[in-house]
mmCIF file of all heavy atoms, coordinates in Angstrom:
data_MODEL
# 
_entry.id   MODEL 
# 
loop_
_atom_site.group_PDB 
_atom_site.id 
_atom_site.type_symbol 
_atom_site.label_atom_id 
_atom_site.label_alt_id 
_atom_site.label_comp_id 
_atom_site.label_asym_id 
_atom_site.label_entity_id 
_atom_site.label_seq_id 
_atom_site.pdbx_PDB_ins_code 
_atom_site.Cartn_x 
_atom_site.Cartn_y 
_atom_site.Cartn_z 
_atom_site.occupancy 
_atom_site.B_iso_or_equiv 
_atom_site.pdbx_formal_charge 
_atom_site.auth_seq_id 
_atom_site.auth_comp_id 
_atom_site.auth_asym_id 
_atom_site.auth_atom_id 
_atom_site.pdbx_PDB_model_num 
ATOM 1   N N   . ILE A 1 1  ? -198.782 -29.044 6.078  1.00 0.00 ? 1  ILE A N   1 
ATOM 2   C CA  . ILE A 1 1  ? -199.168 -29.424 7.383  1.00 0.00 ? 1  ILE A CA  1 
ATOM 3   C C   . ILE A 1 1  ? -200.526 -28.699 7.686  1.00 0.00 ? 1  ILE A C   1 
ATOM 4   O O   . ILE A 1 1  ? -201.473 -29.254 8.182  1.00 0.00 ? 1  ILE A O   1 
ATOM 5   C CB  . ILE A 1 1  ? -198.191 -28.991 8.557  1.00 0.00 ? 1  ILE A CB  1 
ATOM 6   C CG1 . ILE A 1 1  ? -196.884 -29.813 8.299  1.00 0.00 ? 1  ILE A CG1 1 
ATOM 7   C CG2 . ILE A 1 1  ? -198.725 -29.282 9.931  1.00 0.00 ? 1  ILE A CG2 1 
ATOM 8   C CD1 . ILE A 1 1  ? -196.926 -31.262 8.508  1.00 0.00 ? 1  ILE A CD1 1 
ATOM 9   N N   . LEU A 1 2  ? -200.607 -27.353 7.349  1.00 0.00 ? 2  LEU A N   1 
ATOM 10  C CA  . LEU A 1 2  ? -201.831 -26.727 7.549  1.00 0.00 ? 2  LEU A CA  1 
ATOM 11  C C   . LEU A 1 2  ? -202.911 -27.298 6.739  1.00 0.00 ? 2  LEU A C   1 
ATOM 12  O O   . LEU A 1 2  ? -204.139 -27.385 7.213  1.00 0.00 ? 2  LEU A O   1 
ATOM 13  C CB  . LEU A 1 2  ? -201.648 -25.214 7.165  1.00 0.00 ? 2  LEU A CB  1 
ATOM 14  C CG  . LEU A 1 2  ? -200.852 -24.324 8.075  1.00 0.00 ? 2  LEU A CG  1 
ATOM 15  C CD1 . LEU A 1 2  ? -200.560 -23.034 7.446  1.00 0.00 ? 2  LEU A CD1 1 
ATOM 16  C CD2 . LEU A 1 2  ? -201.552 -24.209 9.524  1.00 0.00 ? 2  LEU A CD2 1 
ATOM 17  N N   . ASP A 1 3  ? -202.678 -27.670 5.451  1.00 0.00 ? 3  ASP A N   1 
ATOM 18  C CA  . ASP A 1 3  ? -203.726 -28.234 4.638  1.00 0.00 ? 3  ASP A CA  1 
ATOM 19  C C   . ASP A 1 3  ? -204.177 -29.590 5.298  1.00 0.00 ? 3  ASP A C   1 
ATOM 20  O O   . ASP A 1 3  ? -205.405 -29.932 5.207  1.00 0.00 ? 3  ASP A O   1 
ATOM 21  C CB  . ASP A 1 3  ? -203.224 -28.476 3.210  1.00 0.00 ? 3  ASP A CB  1 
ATOM 22  C CG  . ASP A 1 3  ? -203.017 -27.186 2.546  1.00 0.00 ? 3  ASP A CG  1 
ATOM 23  O OD1 . ASP A 1 3  ? -203.574 -26.176 2.950  1.00 0.00 ? 3  ASP A OD1 1 
ATOM 24  O OD2 . ASP A 1 3  ? -202.392 -27.246 1.362  1.00 0.00 ? 3  ASP A OD2 1 
ATOM 25  N N   . GLY A 1 4  ? -203.199 -30.401 5.790  1.00 0.00 ? 4  GLY A N   1 
ATOM 26  C CA  . GLY A 1 4  ? -203.590 -31.712 6.401  1.00 0.00 ? 4  GLY A CA  1 
ATOM 27  C C   . GLY A 1 4  ? -204.451 -31.484 7.613  1.00 0.00 ? 4  GLY A C   1 
ATOM 28  O O   . GLY A 1 4  ? -205.432 -32.173 7.866  1.00 0.00 ? 4  GLY A O   1 
ATOM 29  N N   . MET A 1 5  ? -204.081 -30.513 8.482  1.00 0.00 ? 5  MET A N   1 
ATOM 30  C CA  . MET A 1 5  ? -204.862 -30.208 9.661  1.00 0.00 ? 5  MET A CA  1 
ATOM 31  C C   . MET A 1 5  ? -206.241 -29.774 9.272  1.00 0.00 ? 5  MET A C   1 
ATOM 32  O O   . MET A 1 5  ? -207.327 -30.173 9.892  1.00 0.00 ? 5  MET A O   1 
ATOM 33  C CB  . MET A 1 5  ? -204.224 -29.099 10.601 1.00 0.00 ? 5  MET A CB  1 
ATOM 34  C CG  . MET A 1 5  ? -203.105 -29.738 11.307 1.00 0.00 ? 5  MET A CG  1 
ATOM 35  S SD  . MET A 1 5  ? -202.426 -28.518 12.651 1.00 0.00 ? 5  MET A SD  1 
ATOM 36  C CE  . MET A 1 5  ? -201.113 -27.829 11.885 1.00 0.00 ? 5  MET A CE  1 
ATOM 37  N N   . GLU A 1 6  ? -206.445 -28.888 8.264  1.00 0.00 ? 6  GLU A N   1 
ATOM 38  C CA  . GLU A 1 6  ? -207.626 -28.394 7.832  1.00 0.00 ? 6  GLU A CA  1 
ATOM 39  C C   . GLU A 1 6  ? -208.520 -29.590 7.215  1.00 0.00 ? 6  GLU A C   1 
ATOM 40  O O   . GLU A 1 6  ? -209.759 -29.691 7.624  1.00 0.00 ? 6  GLU A O   1 
ATOM 41  C CB  . GLU A 1 6  ? -207.453 -27.452 6.631  1.00 0.00 ? 6  GLU A CB  1 
ATOM 42  C CG  . GLU A 1 6  ? -208.842 -26.784 6.147  1.00 0.00 ? 6  GLU A CG  1 
ATOM 43  C CD  . GLU A 1 6  ? -208.564 -25.750 5.106  1.00 0.00 ? 6  GLU A CD  1 
ATOM 44  O OE1 . GLU A 1 6  ? -207.664 -26.031 4.078  1.00 0.00 ? 6  GLU A OE1 1 
ATOM 45  O OE2 . GLU A 1 6  ? -209.344 -24.789 5.115  1.00 0.00 ? 6  GLU A OE2 1 
ATOM 46  N N   . ALA A 1 7  ? -207.899 -30.448 6.556  1.00 0.00 ? 7  ALA A N   1 
ATOM 47  C CA  . ALA A 1 7  ? -208.633 -31.667 6.044  1.00 0.00 ? 7  ALA A CA  1 
ATOM 48  C C   . ALA A 1 7  ? -209.151 -32.541 7.231  1.00 0.00 ? 7  ALA A C   1 
ATOM 49  O O   . ALA A 1 7  ? -210.298 -32.993 7.223  1.00 0.00 ? 7  ALA A O   1 
ATOM 50  C CB  . ALA A 1 7  ? -207.797 -32.456 5.022  1.00 0.00 ? 7  ALA A CB  1 
ATOM 51  N N   . LEU A 1 8  ? -208.290 -32.809 8.141  1.00 0.00 ? 8  LEU A N   1 
ATOM 52  C CA  . LEU A 1 8  ? -208.636 -33.718 9.244  1.00 0.00 ? 8  LEU A CA  1 
ATOM 53  C C   . LEU A 1 8  ? -209.693 -33.066 10.112 1.00 0.00 ? 8  LEU A C   1 
ATOM 54  O O   . LEU A 1 8  ? -210.819 -33.565 10.401 1.00 0.00 ? 8  LEU A O   1 
ATOM 55  C CB  . LEU A 1 8  ? -207.465 -34.035 10.139 1.00 0.00 ? 8  LEU A CB  1 
ATOM 56  C CG  . LEU A 1 8  ? -207.656 -34.736 11.430 1.00 0.00 ? 8  LEU A CG  1 
ATOM 57  C CD1 . LEU A 1 8  ? -208.066 -36.236 11.027 1.00 0.00 ? 8  LEU A CD1 1 
ATOM 58  C CD2 . LEU A 1 8  ? -206.377 -34.823 12.228 1.00 0.00 ? 8  LEU A CD2 1 
ATOM 59  N N   . LEU A 1 9  ? -209.433 -31.767 10.592 1.00 0.00 ? 9  LEU A N   1 
ATOM 60  C CA  . LEU A 1 9  ? -210.376 -31.155 11.513 1.00 0.00 ? 9  LEU A CA  1 
ATOM 61  C C   . LEU A 1 9  ? -211.674 -30.774 10.789 1.00 0.00 ? 9  LEU A C   1 
ATOM 62  O O   . LEU A 1 9  ? -212.859 -30.938 11.369 1.00 0.00 ? 9  LEU A O   1 
ATOM 63  C CB  . LEU A 1 9  ? -209.820 -29.919 12.034 1.00 0.00 ? 9  LEU A CB  1 
ATOM 64  C CG  . LEU A 1 9  ? -208.591 -30.217 13.099 1.00 0.00 ? 9  LEU A CG  1 
ATOM 65  C CD1 . LEU A 1 9  ? -207.925 -28.926 13.325 1.00 0.00 ? 9  LEU A CD1 1 
ATOM 66  C CD2 . LEU A 1 9  ? -208.992 -30.936 14.270 1.00 0.00 ? 9  LEU A CD2 1 
ATOM 67  N N   . GLY A 1 10 ? -211.574 -30.394 9.467  1.00 0.00 ? 10 GLY A N   1 
ATOM 68  C CA  . GLY A 1 10 ? -212.851 -30.125 8.743  1.00 0.00 ? 10 GLY A CA  1 
ATOM 69  C C   . GLY A 1 10 ? -213.758 -31.324 8.610  1.00 0.00 ? 10 GLY A C   1 
ATOM 70  O O   . GLY A 1 10 ? -214.793 -31.193 8.549  1.00 0.00 ? 10 GLY A O   1 
ATOM 71  N N   . GLY A 1 11 ? -213.047 -32.451 8.375  1.00 0.00 ? 11 GLY A N   1 
ATOM 72  C CA  . GLY A 1 11 ? -213.803 -33.703 8.297  1.00 0.00 ? 11 GLY A CA  1 
ATOM 73  C C   . GLY A 1 11 ? -214.687 -34.031 9.584  1.00 0.00 ? 11 GLY A C   1 
ATOM 74  O O   . GLY A 1 11 ? -215.602 -34.794 9.524  1.00 0.00 ? 11 GLY A O   1 
ATOM 75  N N   . TRP A 1 12 ? -214.092 -33.546 10.724 1.00 0.00 ? 12 TRP A N   1 
ATOM 76  C CA  . TRP A 1 12 ? -214.789 -33.753 11.979 1.00 0.00 ? 12 TRP A CA  1 
ATOM 77  C C   . TRP A 1 12 ? -215.787 -32.654 12.268 1.00 0.00 ? 12 TRP A C   1 
ATOM 78  O O   . TRP A 1 12 ? -216.334 -32.475 13.396 1.00 0.00 ? 12 TRP A O   1 
ATOM 79  C CB  . TRP A 1 12 ? -213.768 -33.732 13.093 1.00 0.00 ? 12 TRP A CB  1 
ATOM 80  C CG  . TRP A 1 12 ? -212.971 -35.089 13.072 1.00 0.00 ? 12 TRP A CG  1 
ATOM 81  C CD1 . TRP A 1 12 ? -213.178 -36.218 12.427 1.00 0.00 ? 12 TRP A CD1 1 
ATOM 82  C CD2 . TRP A 1 12 ? -211.631 -35.216 13.644 1.00 0.00 ? 12 TRP A CD2 1 
ATOM 83  N NE1 . TRP A 1 12 ? -212.148 -37.021 12.610 1.00 0.00 ? 12 TRP A NE1 1 
ATOM 84  C CE2 . TRP A 1 12 ? -211.218 -36.528 13.390 1.00 0.00 ? 12 TRP A CE2 1 
ATOM 85  C CE3 . TRP A 1 12 ? -210.814 -34.400 14.490 1.00 0.00 ? 12 TRP A CE3 1 
ATOM 86  C CZ2 . TRP A 1 12 ? -209.968 -37.075 13.811 1.00 0.00 ? 12 TRP A CZ2 1 
ATOM 87  C CZ3 . TRP A 1 12 ? -209.596 -34.920 14.895 1.00 0.00 ? 12 TRP A CZ3 1 
ATOM 88  C CH2 . TRP A 1 12 ? -209.257 -36.178 14.657 1.00 0.00 ? 12 TRP A CH2 1 
ATOM 89  N N   . GLY A 1 13 ? -216.014 -31.730 11.292 1.00 0.00 ? 13 GLY A N   1 
ATOM 90  C CA  . GLY A 1 13 ? -216.943 -30.647 11.398 1.00 0.00 ? 13 GLY A CA  1 
ATOM 91  C C   . GLY A 1 13 ? -216.446 -29.317 12.031 1.00 0.00 ? 13 GLY A C   1 
ATOM 92  O O   . GLY A 1 13 ? -217.237 -28.436 12.336 1.00 0.00 ? 13 GLY A O   1 
ATOM 93  N N   . CYS A 1 14 ? -215.115 -29.237 12.178 1.00 0.00 ? 14 CYS A N   1 
ATOM 94  C CA  . CYS A 1 14 ? -214.639 -27.930 12.755 1.00 0.00 ? 14 CYS A CA  1 
ATOM 95  C C   . CYS A 1 14 ? -214.401 -26.928 11.619 1.00 0.00 ? 14 CYS A C   1 
ATOM 96  O O   . CYS A 1 14 ? -214.262 -27.276 10.452 1.00 0.00 ? 14 CYS A O   1 
ATOM 97  C CB  . CYS A 1 14 ? -213.171 -28.257 13.298 1.00 0.00 ? 14 CYS A CB  1 
ATOM 98  S SG  . CYS A 1 14 ? -213.072 -29.274 14.634 1.00 0.00 ? 14 CYS A SG  1 
ATOM 99  N N   . ARG A 1 15 ? -214.522 -25.752 12.008 1.00 0.00 ? 15 ARG A N   1 
ATOM 100 C CA  . ARG A 1 15 ? -214.103 -24.656 11.073 1.00 0.00 ? 15 ARG A CA  1 
ATOM 101 C C   . ARG A 1 15 ? -212.611 -24.236 11.379 1.00 0.00 ? 15 ARG A C   1 
ATOM 102 O O   . ARG A 1 15 ? -212.262 -24.243 12.625 1.00 0.00 ? 15 ARG A O   1 
ATOM 103 C CB  . ARG A 1 15 ? -214.989 -23.368 11.398 1.00 0.00 ? 15 ARG A CB  1 
ATOM 104 C CG  . ARG A 1 15 ? -214.492 -22.157 10.549 1.00 0.00 ? 15 ARG A CG  1 
ATOM 105 C CD  . ARG A 1 15 ? -215.373 -20.967 10.922 1.00 0.00 ? 15 ARG A CD  1 
ATOM 106 N NE  . ARG A 1 15 ? -215.006 -19.941 9.871  1.00 0.00 ? 15 ARG A NE  1 
ATOM 107 C CZ  . ARG A 1 15 ? -215.394 -18.693 10.057 1.00 0.00 ? 15 ARG A CZ  1 
ATOM 108 N NH1 . ARG A 1 15 ? -216.072 -18.201 11.061 1.00 0.00 ? 15 ARG A NH1 1 
ATOM 109 N NH2 . ARG A 1 15 ? -214.932 -17.709 9.146  1.00 0.00 ? 15 ARG A NH2 1 
ATOM 110 N N   . VAL A 1 16 ? -211.782 -24.303 10.453 1.00 0.00 ? 16 VAL A N   1 
ATOM 111 C CA  . VAL A 1 16 ? -210.338 -24.203 10.568 1.00 0.00 ? 16 VAL A CA  1 
ATOM 112 C C   . VAL A 1 16 ? -209.842 -22.863 10.002 1.00 0.00 ? 16 VAL A C   1 
ATOM 113 O O   . VAL A 1 16 ? -210.238 -22.530 8.871  1.00 0.00 ? 16 VAL A O   1 
ATOM 114 C CB  . VAL A 1 16 ? -209.637 -25.338 9.857  1.00 0.00 ? 16 VAL A CB  1 
ATOM 115 C CG1 . VAL A 1 16 ? -208.193 -25.237 10.086 1.00 0.00 ? 16 VAL A CG1 1 
ATOM 116 C CG2 . VAL A 1 16 ? -210.248 -26.757 10.444 1.00 0.00 ? 16 VAL A CG2 1 
ATOM 117 N N   . LEU A 1 17 ? -209.220 -22.044 10.855 1.00 0.00 ? 17 LEU A N   1 
ATOM 118 C CA  . LEU A 1 17 ? -208.526 -21.005 10.423 1.00 0.00 ? 17 LEU A CA  1 
ATOM 119 C C   . LEU A 1 17 ? -206.924 -21.378 10.258 1.00 0.00 ? 17 LEU A C   1 
ATOM 120 O O   . LEU A 1 17 ? -206.479 -21.955 11.293 1.00 0.00 ? 17 LEU A O   1 
ATOM 121 C CB  . LEU A 1 17 ? -208.648 -19.815 11.412 1.00 0.00 ? 17 LEU A CB  1 
ATOM 122 C CG  . LEU A 1 17 ? -210.154 -19.454 11.767 1.00 0.00 ? 17 LEU A CG  1 
ATOM 123 C CD1 . LEU A 1 17 ? -210.120 -18.317 12.814 1.00 0.00 ? 17 LEU A CD1 1 
ATOM 124 C CD2 . LEU A 1 17 ? -210.893 -19.016 10.492 1.00 0.00 ? 17 LEU A CD2 1 
ATOM 125 N N   . LYS A 1 18 ? -206.299 -20.959 9.287  1.00 0.00 ? 18 LYS A N   1 
ATOM 126 C CA  . LYS A 1 18 ? -204.991 -21.460 8.997  1.00 0.00 ? 18 LYS A CA  1 
ATOM 127 C C   . LYS A 1 18 ? -204.053 -20.122 8.934  1.00 0.00 ? 18 LYS A C   1 
ATOM 128 O O   . LYS A 1 18 ? -204.434 -19.081 8.450  1.00 0.00 ? 18 LYS A O   1 
ATOM 129 C CB  . LYS A 1 18 ? -204.768 -22.041 7.802  1.00 0.00 ? 18 LYS A CB  1 
ATOM 130 C CG  . LYS A 1 18 ? -205.596 -23.352 7.584  1.00 0.00 ? 18 LYS A CG  1 
ATOM 131 C CD  . LYS A 1 18 ? -205.301 -24.272 6.462  1.00 0.00 ? 18 LYS A CD  1 
ATOM 132 C CE  . LYS A 1 18 ? -205.525 -23.386 5.204  1.00 0.00 ? 18 LYS A CE  1 
ATOM 133 N NZ  . LYS A 1 18 ? -205.235 -24.276 3.869  1.00 0.00 ? 18 LYS A NZ  1 
ATOM 134 N N   . ALA A 1 19 ? -202.843 -20.211 9.565  1.00 0.00 ? 19 ALA A N   1 
ATOM 135 C CA  . ALA A 1 19 ? -201.958 -19.144 9.505  1.00 0.00 ? 19 ALA A CA  1 
ATOM 136 C C   . ALA A 1 19 ? -200.498 -19.642 9.610  1.00 0.00 ? 19 ALA A C   1 
ATOM 137 O O   . ALA A 1 19 ? -200.224 -20.679 10.215 1.00 0.00 ? 19 ALA A O   1 
ATOM 138 C CB  . ALA A 1 19 ? -202.149 -18.078 10.660 1.00 0.00 ? 19 ALA A CB  1 
ATOM 139 N N   . ALA A 1 20 ? -199.622 -19.027 8.970  1.00 0.00 ? 20 ALA A N   1 
ATOM 140 C CA  . ALA A 1 20 ? -198.157 -19.410 8.797  1.00 0.00 ? 20 ALA A CA  1 
ATOM 141 C C   . ALA A 1 20 ? -197.347 -18.776 10.086 1.00 0.00 ? 20 ALA A C   1 
ATOM 142 O O   . ALA A 1 20 ? -196.204 -19.293 10.298 1.00 0.00 ? 20 ALA A O   1 
ATOM 143 C CB  . ALA A 1 20 ? -197.509 -19.079 7.523  1.00 0.00 ? 20 ALA A CB  1 
ATOM 144 N N   . ASP A 1 21 ? -197.884 -17.797 10.655 1.00 0.00 ? 21 ASP A N   1 
ATOM 145 C CA  . ASP A 1 21 ? -197.177 -17.101 11.776 1.00 0.00 ? 21 ASP A CA  1 
ATOM 146 C C   . ASP A 1 21 ? -198.196 -16.360 12.660 1.00 0.00 ? 21 ASP A C   1 
ATOM 147 O O   . ASP A 1 21 ? -199.354 -16.247 12.345 1.00 0.00 ? 21 ASP A O   1 
ATOM 148 C CB  . ASP A 1 21 ? -196.089 -16.130 11.215 1.00 0.00 ? 21 ASP A CB  1 
ATOM 149 C CG  . ASP A 1 21 ? -196.594 -15.154 10.294 1.00 0.00 ? 21 ASP A CG  1 
ATOM 150 O OD1 . ASP A 1 21 ? -197.735 -14.534 10.491 1.00 0.00 ? 21 ASP A OD1 1 
ATOM 151 O OD2 . ASP A 1 21 ? -195.956 -14.822 9.352  1.00 0.00 ? 21 ASP A OD2 1 
ATOM 152 N N   . PHE A 1 22 ? -197.698 -15.758 13.694 1.00 0.00 ? 22 PHE A N   1 
ATOM 153 C CA  . PHE A 1 22 ? -198.453 -15.043 14.685 1.00 0.00 ? 22 PHE A CA  1 
ATOM 154 C C   . PHE A 1 22 ? -199.290 -13.891 13.984 1.00 0.00 ? 22 PHE A C   1 
ATOM 155 O O   . PHE A 1 22 ? -200.515 -13.760 14.257 1.00 0.00 ? 22 PHE A O   1 
ATOM 156 C CB  . PHE A 1 22 ? -197.645 -14.561 15.803 1.00 0.00 ? 22 PHE A CB  1 
ATOM 157 C CG  . PHE A 1 22 ? -198.445 -13.715 16.799 1.00 0.00 ? 22 PHE A CG  1 
ATOM 158 C CD1 . PHE A 1 22 ? -199.314 -14.281 17.637 1.00 0.00 ? 22 PHE A CD1 1 
ATOM 159 C CD2 . PHE A 1 22 ? -198.240 -12.352 16.767 1.00 0.00 ? 22 PHE A CD2 1 
ATOM 160 C CE1 . PHE A 1 22 ? -199.999 -13.562 18.576 1.00 0.00 ? 22 PHE A CE1 1 
ATOM 161 C CE2 . PHE A 1 22 ? -199.027 -11.537 17.649 1.00 0.00 ? 22 PHE A CE2 1 
ATOM 162 C CZ  . PHE A 1 22 ? -199.830 -12.203 18.681 1.00 0.00 ? 22 PHE A CZ  1 
ATOM 163 N N   . ASN A 1 23 ? -198.655 -13.044 13.269 1.00 0.00 ? 23 ASN A N   1 
ATOM 164 C CA  . ASN A 1 23 ? -199.371 -11.906 12.620 1.00 0.00 ? 23 ASN A CA  1 
ATOM 165 C C   . ASN A 1 23 ? -200.459 -12.289 11.637 1.00 0.00 ? 23 ASN A C   1 
ATOM 166 O O   . ASN A 1 23 ? -201.563 -11.837 11.640 1.00 0.00 ? 23 ASN A O   1 
ATOM 167 C CB  . ASN A 1 23 ? -198.282 -11.046 11.855 1.00 0.00 ? 23 ASN A CB  1 
ATOM 168 C CG  . ASN A 1 23 ? -197.508 -10.310 12.840 1.00 0.00 ? 23 ASN A CG  1 
ATOM 169 O OD1 . ASN A 1 23 ? -197.810 -9.994  13.911 1.00 0.00 ? 23 ASN A OD1 1 
ATOM 170 N ND2 . ASN A 1 23 ? -196.152 -10.036 12.482 1.00 0.00 ? 23 ASN A ND2 1 
ATOM 171 N N   . ALA A 1 24 ? -200.195 -13.377 10.905 1.00 0.00 ? 24 ALA A N   1 
ATOM 172 C CA  . ALA A 1 24 ? -201.190 -13.946 9.989  1.00 0.00 ? 24 ALA A CA  1 
ATOM 173 C C   . ALA A 1 24 ? -202.348 -14.552 10.735 1.00 0.00 ? 24 ALA A C   1 
ATOM 174 O O   . ALA A 1 24 ? -203.469 -14.536 10.445 1.00 0.00 ? 24 ALA A O   1 
ATOM 175 C CB  . ALA A 1 24 ? -200.658 -14.944 9.096  1.00 0.00 ? 24 ALA A CB  1 
ATOM 176 N N   . ALA A 1 25 ? -202.003 -15.165 11.990 1.00 0.00 ? 25 ALA A N   1 
ATOM 177 C CA  . ALA A 1 25 ? -203.054 -15.751 12.860 1.00 0.00 ? 25 ALA A CA  1 
ATOM 178 C C   . ALA A 1 25 ? -204.031 -14.644 13.421 1.00 0.00 ? 25 ALA A C   1 
ATOM 179 O O   . ALA A 1 25 ? -205.279 -14.812 13.387 1.00 0.00 ? 25 ALA A O   1 
ATOM 180 C CB  . ALA A 1 25 ? -202.355 -16.393 14.045 1.00 0.00 ? 25 ALA A CB  1 
ATOM 181 N N   . ILE A 1 26 ? -203.466 -13.535 13.821 1.00 0.00 ? 26 ILE A N   1 
ATOM 182 C CA  . ILE A 1 26 ? -204.264 -12.369 14.382 1.00 0.00 ? 26 ILE A CA  1 
ATOM 183 C C   . ILE A 1 26 ? -205.258 -11.843 13.211 1.00 0.00 ? 26 ILE A C   1 
ATOM 184 O O   . ILE A 1 26 ? -206.368 -11.727 13.380 1.00 0.00 ? 26 ILE A O   1 
ATOM 185 C CB  . ILE A 1 26 ? -203.397 -11.217 14.883 1.00 0.00 ? 26 ILE A CB  1 
ATOM 186 C CG1 . ILE A 1 26 ? -202.657 -11.607 16.111 1.00 0.00 ? 26 ILE A CG1 1 
ATOM 187 C CG2 . ILE A 1 26 ? -204.262 -9.973  15.130 1.00 0.00 ? 26 ILE A CG2 1 
ATOM 188 C CD1 . ILE A 1 26 ? -203.419 -11.988 17.273 1.00 0.00 ? 26 ILE A CD1 1 
# 
């Protein structure tokens, strides 16, 4: 799911940060 979101949003010119949980997000 994270890879899919990165591909979609990245294709729209977004910089995407991915994380599996809250601590990884921070």
